[in-house]
Each structure stands twice: as structure tokens, then as C-alpha cells.
């Protein structure tokens, strides 16, 4: 998906609503998948593992990692936008708030519900956030930076996600059925939601 293919909302207030609504939902999606206990997406395996090792909340780790990742933008000559800065500052606190407020599911049926809703929410929030057209997230910026250096999108994304998944697993992050579901479902779900939030 490219920001340049997204038709922007017609007004700044609409774009801001889409941006911050998307970021809030992204934090909720992360929390749902983490609380399910069934496995996270690659980056959140890493975030959870780092949180376990440092004693920080997962939201704090998301914020710190986002800020550190942005340092890699400098040699890649990537330029942040309002959406980039907002992503770094807000997704983590939104995720922490949702983790705090959501009850922990104790039965597999409820864990599965959390997992499914988490992946669906992340897919929807991705389109909302991208649709604001205010700059890529810090982690997406690494991918686009690698593409500018000559890698294909597929190779760049796969390389990053495999690396953070392995690192997160070694740190103790949860890898499981949810990780597989995320990998298989996030693309098709995001494509499905383009019926209501078209990207072309």
C-alpha cells in the first residue's frame, strides 16, 4: 500500500479524525491480541518480549522502539510527518490504556474472540491511519527506506518482520496461533476493508 494512492479526505478536520481514530484503534487491536495470549504479530512479539525483559509496559516499549527506529530514518533520508510523530507518541499509550481496561479472557473461546477482533481492528485501523495521508509510521518508514535503497517491498518487509519476530521470541514474546493468524489474515482483511476505504 502506498500513501500516494490513498484519496485524502476533503478537509483537515476529517483527516485528523481519521488519523487519531486509526491510531486509537491500532492501540486497541494490539491490546486485544496481546491479552488473547495466543500470539502476536511480529513487531508486537518483539515489543512484548522487550517489555518482559525490562519491566516496562508494552505501550512504553512501543513508544521507545518507535522513537529509536526513527533514528534509522536519518541515514535513509526519510522525512516524518504529523502522522509519524503522532504514531510514535500515541499508539503505545492507547495500547496500555486498552490493556488496562480490557478484562483478561480465561476461556479459549474468549481468547479466540480477542485474537480475531485484534487482527480485524489492526487491519481497519491501518486503512484509517494511512488514509489520513500525514506520513508513514516509524516502522513502515524503515521498509520504505530499504525500498529506496534497492530492495523490493516484499523482501524489505519480510526481512524486517522475520528479524523482529525472532528477536521478540528470544526475548520471551508470545509466538503462537495468533502469530500465524495475523500473518495470513492481515493482508486479506486490509484488502477487504478497502471496499469502504478505497486506496485507489
C-alpha atoms as a PDB file:
ATOM      1  CA  UNK A   1       0.000   0.000   0.000  1.00  0.00           C
ATOM      2  CA  UNK A   2       1.292   3.440  -0.846  1.00  0.00           C
ATOM      3  CA  UNK A   3       0.200   6.704   0.672  1.00  0.00           C
ATOM      4  CA  UNK A   4       0.250   8.272  -2.755  1.00  0.00           C
ATOM      5  CA  UNK A   5      -2.610   6.012  -3.861  1.00  0.00           C
ATOM      6  CA  UNK A   6      -4.903   6.974  -0.988  1.00  0.00           C
ATOM      7  CA  UNK A   7      -7.639   9.529  -1.762  1.00  0.00           C
ATOM      8  CA  UNK A   8      -7.372  12.043   1.058  1.00  0.00           C
ATOM      9  CA  UNK A   9     -10.429  13.234   2.977  1.00  0.00           C
ATOM     10  CA  UNK A  10     -11.594  16.627   1.781  1.00  0.00           C
ATOM     11  CA  UNK A  11     -10.815  18.631   4.916  1.00  0.00           C
ATOM     12  CA  UNK A  12      -8.121  18.826   7.567  1.00  0.00           C
ATOM     13  CA  UNK A  13     -10.528  18.005  10.431  1.00  0.00           C
ATOM     14  CA  UNK A  14     -11.631  14.854   8.567  1.00  0.00           C
ATOM     15  CA  UNK A  15      -8.011  13.844   8.060  1.00  0.00           C
ATOM     16  CA  UNK A  16      -7.216  14.406  11.740  1.00  0.00           C
ATOM     17  CA  UNK A  17     -10.219  12.348  12.832  1.00  0.00           C
ATOM     18  CA  UNK A  18      -9.110   9.552  10.533  1.00  0.00           C
ATOM     19  CA  UNK A  19      -5.531   9.762  11.780  1.00  0.00           C
ATOM     20  CA  UNK A  20      -6.225   9.785  15.511  1.00  0.00           C
ATOM     21  CA  UNK A  21      -9.168   7.400  15.266  1.00  0.00           C
ATOM     22  CA  UNK A  22      -6.917   4.991  13.392  1.00  0.00           C
ATOM     23  CA  UNK A  23      -4.129   5.293  15.963  1.00  0.00           C
ATOM     24  CA  UNK A  24      -6.546   4.695  18.848  1.00  0.00           C
ATOM     25  CA  UNK A  25      -7.963   1.622  17.122  1.00  0.00           C
ATOM     26  CA  UNK A  26      -4.453   0.371  16.386  1.00  0.00           C
ATOM     27  CA  UNK A  27      -3.631   0.529  20.085  1.00  0.00           C
ATOM     28  CA  UNK A  28      -6.855  -1.353  20.854  1.00  0.00           C
ATOM     29  CA  UNK A  29      -6.013  -4.012  18.266  1.00  0.00           C
ATOM     30  CA  UNK A  30      -2.570  -4.536  19.795  1.00  0.00           C
ATOM     31  CA  UNK A  31      -4.078  -4.871  23.270  1.00  0.00           C
ATOM     32  CA  UNK A  32      -6.695  -7.375  22.123  1.00  0.00           C
ATOM     33  CA  UNK A  33      -4.094  -9.595  20.522  1.00  0.00           C
ATOM     34  CA  UNK A  34      -1.708  -9.361  23.494  1.00  0.00           C
ATOM     35  CA  UNK A  35      -4.486 -10.089  26.021  1.00  0.00           C
ATOM     36  CA  UNK A  36      -5.625 -13.095  23.992  1.00  0.00           C
ATOM     37  CA  UNK A  37      -2.396 -14.836  24.949  1.00  0.00           C
ATOM     38  CA  UNK A  38      -2.477 -16.760  21.679  1.00  0.00           C
ATOM     39  CA  UNK A  39       0.364 -14.976  19.896  1.00  0.00           C
ATOM     40  CA  UNK A  40       1.110 -11.540  18.463  1.00  0.00           C
ATOM     41  CA  UNK A  41       2.112 -10.037  15.154  1.00  0.00           C
ATOM     42  CA  UNK A  42       5.907  -9.882  14.615  1.00  0.00           C
ATOM     43  CA  UNK A  43       6.522  -6.362  15.919  1.00  0.00           C
ATOM     44  CA  UNK A  44       4.366  -6.955  18.982  1.00  0.00           C
ATOM     45  CA  UNK A  45       6.158 -10.223  19.742  1.00  0.00           C
ATOM     46  CA  UNK A  46       9.250  -8.029  19.952  1.00  0.00           C
ATOM     47  CA  UNK A  47       7.514  -5.304  21.975  1.00  0.00           C
ATOM     48  CA  UNK A  48       6.086  -7.826  24.434  1.00  0.00           C
ATOM     49  CA  UNK A  49       9.426  -9.619  24.790  1.00  0.00           C
ATOM     50  CA  UNK A  50      11.245  -6.344  25.430  1.00  0.00           C
ATOM     51  CA  UNK A  51       8.585  -5.369  27.979  1.00  0.00           C
ATOM     52  CA  UNK A  52       9.059  -8.664  29.830  1.00  0.00           C
ATOM     53  CA  UNK A  53      12.831  -8.171  29.912  1.00  0.00           C
ATOM     54  CA  UNK A  54      12.792  -4.523  31.001  1.00  0.00           C
ATOM     55  CA  UNK A  55       9.768  -4.420  33.297  1.00  0.00           C
ATOM     56  CA  UNK A  56       8.259  -1.606  31.235  1.00  0.00           C
ATOM     57  CA  UNK A  57       4.697  -1.685  29.944  1.00  0.00           C
ATOM     58  CA  UNK A  58       4.257  -2.836  26.368  1.00  0.00           C
ATOM     59  CA  UNK A  59       2.980   0.637  25.467  1.00  0.00           C
ATOM     60  CA  UNK A  60       6.129   2.268  26.810  1.00  0.00           C
ATOM     61  CA  UNK A  61       8.235  -0.157  24.796  1.00  0.00           C
ATOM     62  CA  UNK A  62       6.198   0.618  21.659  1.00  0.00           C
ATOM     63  CA  UNK A  63       6.878   4.333  22.200  1.00  0.00           C
ATOM     64  CA  UNK A  64      10.596   3.896  22.895  1.00  0.00           C
ATOM     65  CA  UNK A  65      11.138   1.493  19.984  1.00  0.00           C
ATOM     66  CA  UNK A  66       9.236   3.831  17.663  1.00  0.00           C
ATOM     67  CA  UNK A  67      11.473   6.725  18.669  1.00  0.00           C
ATOM     68  CA  UNK A  68      14.645   4.643  18.249  1.00  0.00           C
ATOM     69  CA  UNK A  69      13.509   3.330  14.872  1.00  0.00           C
ATOM     70  CA  UNK A  70      13.084   6.912  13.704  1.00  0.00           C
ATOM     71  CA  UNK A  71      16.815   7.434  14.252  1.00  0.00           C
ATOM     72  CA  UNK A  72      17.344   4.958  11.414  1.00  0.00           C
ATOM     73  CA  UNK A  73      15.416   7.333   9.172  1.00  0.00           C
ATOM     74  CA  UNK A  74      18.306   9.797   9.243  1.00  0.00           C
ATOM     75  CA  UNK A  75      20.758   7.849   7.043  1.00  0.00           C
ATOM     76  CA  UNK A  76      17.838   6.773   4.844  1.00  0.00           C
ATOM     77  CA  UNK A  77      16.779  10.410   4.367  1.00  0.00           C
ATOM     78  CA  UNK A  78      13.195   9.676   5.349  1.00  0.00           C
ATOM     79  CA  UNK A  79      11.020  12.654   6.339  1.00  0.00           C
ATOM     80  CA  UNK A  80       8.481  12.274   9.176  1.00  0.00           C
ATOM     81  CA  UNK A  81       5.042  13.842   9.065  1.00  0.00           C
ATOM     82  CA  UNK A  82       2.455  14.653  11.712  1.00  0.00           C
ATOM     83  CA  UNK A  83       1.164  11.102  11.404  1.00  0.00           C
ATOM     84  CA  UNK A  84       4.639   9.708  12.042  1.00  0.00           C
ATOM     85  CA  UNK A  85       5.172  11.716  15.215  1.00  0.00           C
ATOM     86  CA  UNK A  86       1.628  11.008  16.401  1.00  0.00           C
ATOM     87  CA  UNK A  87       2.169   7.287  15.821  1.00  0.00           C
ATOM     88  CA  UNK A  88       5.311   7.288  17.960  1.00  0.00           C
ATOM     89  CA  UNK A  89       3.687   9.255  20.792  1.00  0.00           C
ATOM     90  CA  UNK A  90       0.186   7.797  20.914  1.00  0.00           C
ATOM     91  CA  UNK A  91      -0.050   4.147  19.824  1.00  0.00           C
ATOM     92  CA  UNK A  92       1.801   2.959  22.938  1.00  0.00           C
ATOM     93  CA  UNK A  93      -0.355   4.887  25.439  1.00  0.00           C
ATOM     94  CA  UNK A  94      -3.510   3.793  23.595  1.00  0.00           C
ATOM     95  CA  UNK A  95      -2.331   0.174  23.810  1.00  0.00           C
ATOM     96  CA  UNK A  96      -1.522   0.489  27.529  1.00  0.00           C
ATOM     97  CA  UNK A  97      -4.929   2.036  28.245  1.00  0.00           C
ATOM     98  CA  UNK A  98      -6.696  -0.786  26.415  1.00  0.00           C
ATOM     99  CA  UNK A  99      -4.599  -3.468  28.151  1.00  0.00           C
ATOM    100  CA  UNK A 100      -5.563  -1.919  31.498  1.00  0.00           C
ATOM    101  CA  UNK A 101      -9.279  -1.640  30.702  1.00  0.00           C
ATOM    102  CA  UNK A 102      -9.875  -4.949  28.934  1.00  0.00           C
ATOM    103  CA  UNK A 103     -10.657  -7.977  31.131  1.00  0.00           C
ATOM    104  CA  UNK A 104      -8.332 -10.924  30.702  1.00  0.00           C
ATOM    105  CA  UNK A 105     -10.110 -13.785  28.895  1.00  0.00           C
ATOM    106  CA  UNK A 106      -9.858 -17.087  30.765  1.00  0.00           C
ATOM    107  CA  UNK A 107     -11.520 -19.446  28.300  1.00  0.00           C
ATOM    108  CA  UNK A 108     -10.287 -20.386  24.829  1.00  0.00           C
ATOM    109  CA  UNK A 109     -13.471 -19.127  23.169  1.00  0.00           C
ATOM    110  CA  UNK A 110     -12.962 -15.635  24.599  1.00  0.00           C
ATOM    111  CA  UNK A 111      -9.232 -15.725  23.852  1.00  0.00           C
ATOM    112  CA  UNK A 112     -10.054 -16.601  20.256  1.00  0.00           C
ATOM    113  CA  UNK A 113     -12.588 -13.758  20.110  1.00  0.00           C
ATOM    114  CA  UNK A 114      -9.940 -11.313  21.348  1.00  0.00           C
ATOM    115  CA  UNK A 115      -7.481 -12.611  18.761  1.00  0.00           C
ATOM    116  CA  UNK A 116      -9.901 -12.309  15.847  1.00  0.00           C
ATOM    117  CA  UNK A 117     -11.086  -8.858  16.917  1.00  0.00           C
ATOM    118  CA  UNK A 118      -7.495  -7.734  17.403  1.00  0.00           C
ATOM    119  CA  UNK A 119      -6.448  -8.684  13.876  1.00  0.00           C
ATOM    120  CA  UNK A 120      -9.626  -7.188  12.373  1.00  0.00           C
ATOM    121  CA  UNK A 121      -9.137  -3.959  14.332  1.00  0.00           C
ATOM    122  CA  UNK A 122      -5.497  -3.628  13.249  1.00  0.00           C
ATOM    123  CA  UNK A 123      -6.477  -4.138   9.598  1.00  0.00           C
ATOM    124  CA  UNK A 124      -9.193  -1.473   9.792  1.00  0.00           C
ATOM    125  CA  UNK A 125      -7.051   0.976  11.742  1.00  0.00           C
ATOM    126  CA  UNK A 126      -4.243   0.625   9.198  1.00  0.00           C
ATOM    127  CA  UNK A 127      -6.514   1.891   6.418  1.00  0.00           C
ATOM    128  CA  UNK A 128      -7.823   4.739   8.569  1.00  0.00           C
ATOM    129  CA  UNK A 129      -4.326   5.809   9.508  1.00  0.00           C
ATOM    130  CA  UNK A 130      -2.862   5.549   6.017  1.00  0.00           C
ATOM    131  CA  UNK A 131      -5.923   7.319   4.634  1.00  0.00           C
ATOM    132  CA  UNK A 132      -5.089  10.431   6.630  1.00  0.00           C
ATOM    133  CA  UNK A 133      -2.083  10.944   4.350  1.00  0.00           C
ATOM    134  CA  UNK A 134       0.064  12.505   7.082  1.00  0.00           C
ATOM    135  CA  UNK A 135       3.184  10.388   6.932  1.00  0.00           C
ATOM    136  CA  UNK A 136       4.070   6.719   7.442  1.00  0.00           C
ATOM    137  CA  UNK A 137       4.524   5.064  10.813  1.00  0.00           C
ATOM    138  CA  UNK A 138       8.114   4.791  12.066  1.00  0.00           C
ATOM    139  CA  UNK A 139       8.326   1.056  11.322  1.00  0.00           C
ATOM    140  CA  UNK A 140       6.790   1.491   7.857  1.00  0.00           C
ATOM    141  CA  UNK A 141       9.364   4.183   7.185  1.00  0.00           C
ATOM    142  CA  UNK A 142      12.181   1.655   7.622  1.00  0.00           C
ATOM    143  CA  UNK A 143      10.542  -0.539   4.993  1.00  0.00           C
ATOM    144  CA  UNK A 144      10.144   2.311   2.535  1.00  0.00           C
ATOM    145  CA  UNK A 145      13.716   3.405   3.247  1.00  0.00           C
ATOM    146  CA  UNK A 146      15.016  -0.055   2.378  1.00  0.00           C
ATOM    147  CA  UNK A 147      12.937   0.000  -0.800  1.00  0.00           C
ATOM    148  CA  UNK A 148      14.586   3.294  -1.751  1.00  0.00           C
ATOM    149  CA  UNK A 149      17.967   1.580  -1.254  1.00  0.00           C
ATOM    150  CA  UNK A 150      17.039  -1.036  -3.830  1.00  0.00           C
ATOM    151  CA  UNK A 151      15.170  -3.846  -2.051  1.00  0.00           C
ATOM    152  CA  UNK A 152      11.736  -4.939  -3.209  1.00  0.00           C
ATOM    153  CA  UNK A 153       8.780  -4.203  -0.906  1.00  0.00           C
ATOM    154  CA  UNK A 154       8.279  -7.932  -0.312  1.00  0.00           C
ATOM    155  CA  UNK A 155      11.911  -8.579   0.613  1.00  0.00           C
ATOM    156  CA  UNK A 156      12.161  -5.453   2.781  1.00  0.00           C
ATOM    157  CA  UNK A 157       9.006  -6.207   4.744  1.00  0.00           C
ATOM    158  CA  UNK A 158       9.750  -9.915   5.125  1.00  0.00           C
ATOM    159  CA  UNK A 159      13.314  -9.243   6.273  1.00  0.00           C
ATOM    160  CA  UNK A 160      12.208  -6.752   8.915  1.00  0.00           C
ATOM    161  CA  UNK A 161       9.342  -8.849  10.236  1.00  0.00           C
ATOM    162  CA  UNK A 162      11.347 -12.080  10.408  1.00  0.00           C
ATOM    163  CA  UNK A 163      14.145 -10.265  12.251  1.00  0.00           C
ATOM    164  CA  UNK A 164      11.863  -8.676  14.866  1.00  0.00           C
ATOM    165  CA  UNK A 165       9.865 -11.899  15.255  1.00  0.00           C
ATOM    166  CA  UNK A 166      12.991 -13.937  16.029  1.00  0.00           C
ATOM    167  CA  UNK A 167      14.346 -11.253  18.362  1.00  0.00           C
ATOM    168  CA  UNK A 168      10.999 -10.986  20.157  1.00  0.00           C
ATOM    169  CA  UNK A 169      10.700 -14.755  20.513  1.00  0.00           C
ATOM    170  CA  UNK A 170      14.203 -14.933  22.006  1.00  0.00           C
ATOM    171  CA  UNK A 171      13.199 -12.203  24.473  1.00  0.00           C
ATOM    172  CA  UNK A 172      10.134 -14.187  25.546  1.00  0.00           C
ATOM    173  CA  UNK A 173       7.379 -12.608  23.450  1.00  0.00           C
ATOM    174  CA  UNK A 174       4.345 -14.771  22.707  1.00  0.00           C
ATOM    175  CA  UNK A 175       4.531 -16.636  19.401  1.00  0.00           C
ATOM    176  CA  UNK A 176       1.643 -18.960  18.621  1.00  0.00           C
ATOM    177  CA  UNK A 177      -1.550 -19.444  16.687  1.00  0.00           C
ATOM    178  CA  UNK A 178      -2.207 -15.700  16.787  1.00  0.00           C
ATOM    179  CA  UNK A 179       1.095 -15.032  15.039  1.00  0.00           C
ATOM    180  CA  UNK A 180       0.120 -17.340  12.198  1.00  0.00           C
ATOM    181  CA  UNK A 181      -3.412 -15.904  12.011  1.00  0.00           C
ATOM    182  CA  UNK A 182      -2.002 -12.385  11.874  1.00  0.00           C
ATOM    183  CA  UNK A 183       0.447 -13.281   9.102  1.00  0.00           C
ATOM    184  CA  UNK A 184      -2.208 -14.998   6.988  1.00  0.00           C
ATOM    185  CA  UNK A 185      -5.170 -12.699   7.635  1.00  0.00           C
ATOM    186  CA  UNK A 186      -3.857  -9.147   7.887  1.00  0.00           C
ATOM    187  CA  UNK A 187      -3.372  -8.715   4.126  1.00  0.00           C
ATOM    188  CA  UNK A 188      -6.738 -10.140   3.012  1.00  0.00           C
ATOM    189  CA  UNK A 189      -8.602  -8.269   5.767  1.00  0.00           C
ATOM    190  CA  UNK A 190      -6.952  -4.985   4.853  1.00  0.00           C
ATOM    191  CA  UNK A 191      -7.878  -5.608   1.214  1.00  0.00           C
ATOM    192  CA  UNK A 192     -11.479  -6.380   2.259  1.00  0.00           C
ATOM    193  CA  UNK A 193     -11.786  -3.081   4.117  1.00  0.00           C
ATOM    194  CA  UNK A 194     -10.711  -1.168   1.007  1.00  0.00           C
ATOM    195  CA  UNK A 195     -14.338  -1.632  -0.162  1.00  0.00           C
ATOM    196  CA  UNK A 196     -15.287   1.017   2.380  1.00  0.00           C
ATOM    197  CA  UNK A 197     -11.941   2.850   2.480  1.00  0.00           C
ATOM    198  CA  UNK A 198     -10.660   2.540  -1.118  1.00  0.00           C
ATOM    199  CA  UNK A 199      -6.960   3.006  -1.780  1.00  0.00           C
ATOM    200  CA  UNK A 200      -7.266   3.865  -5.485  1.00  0.00           C
END
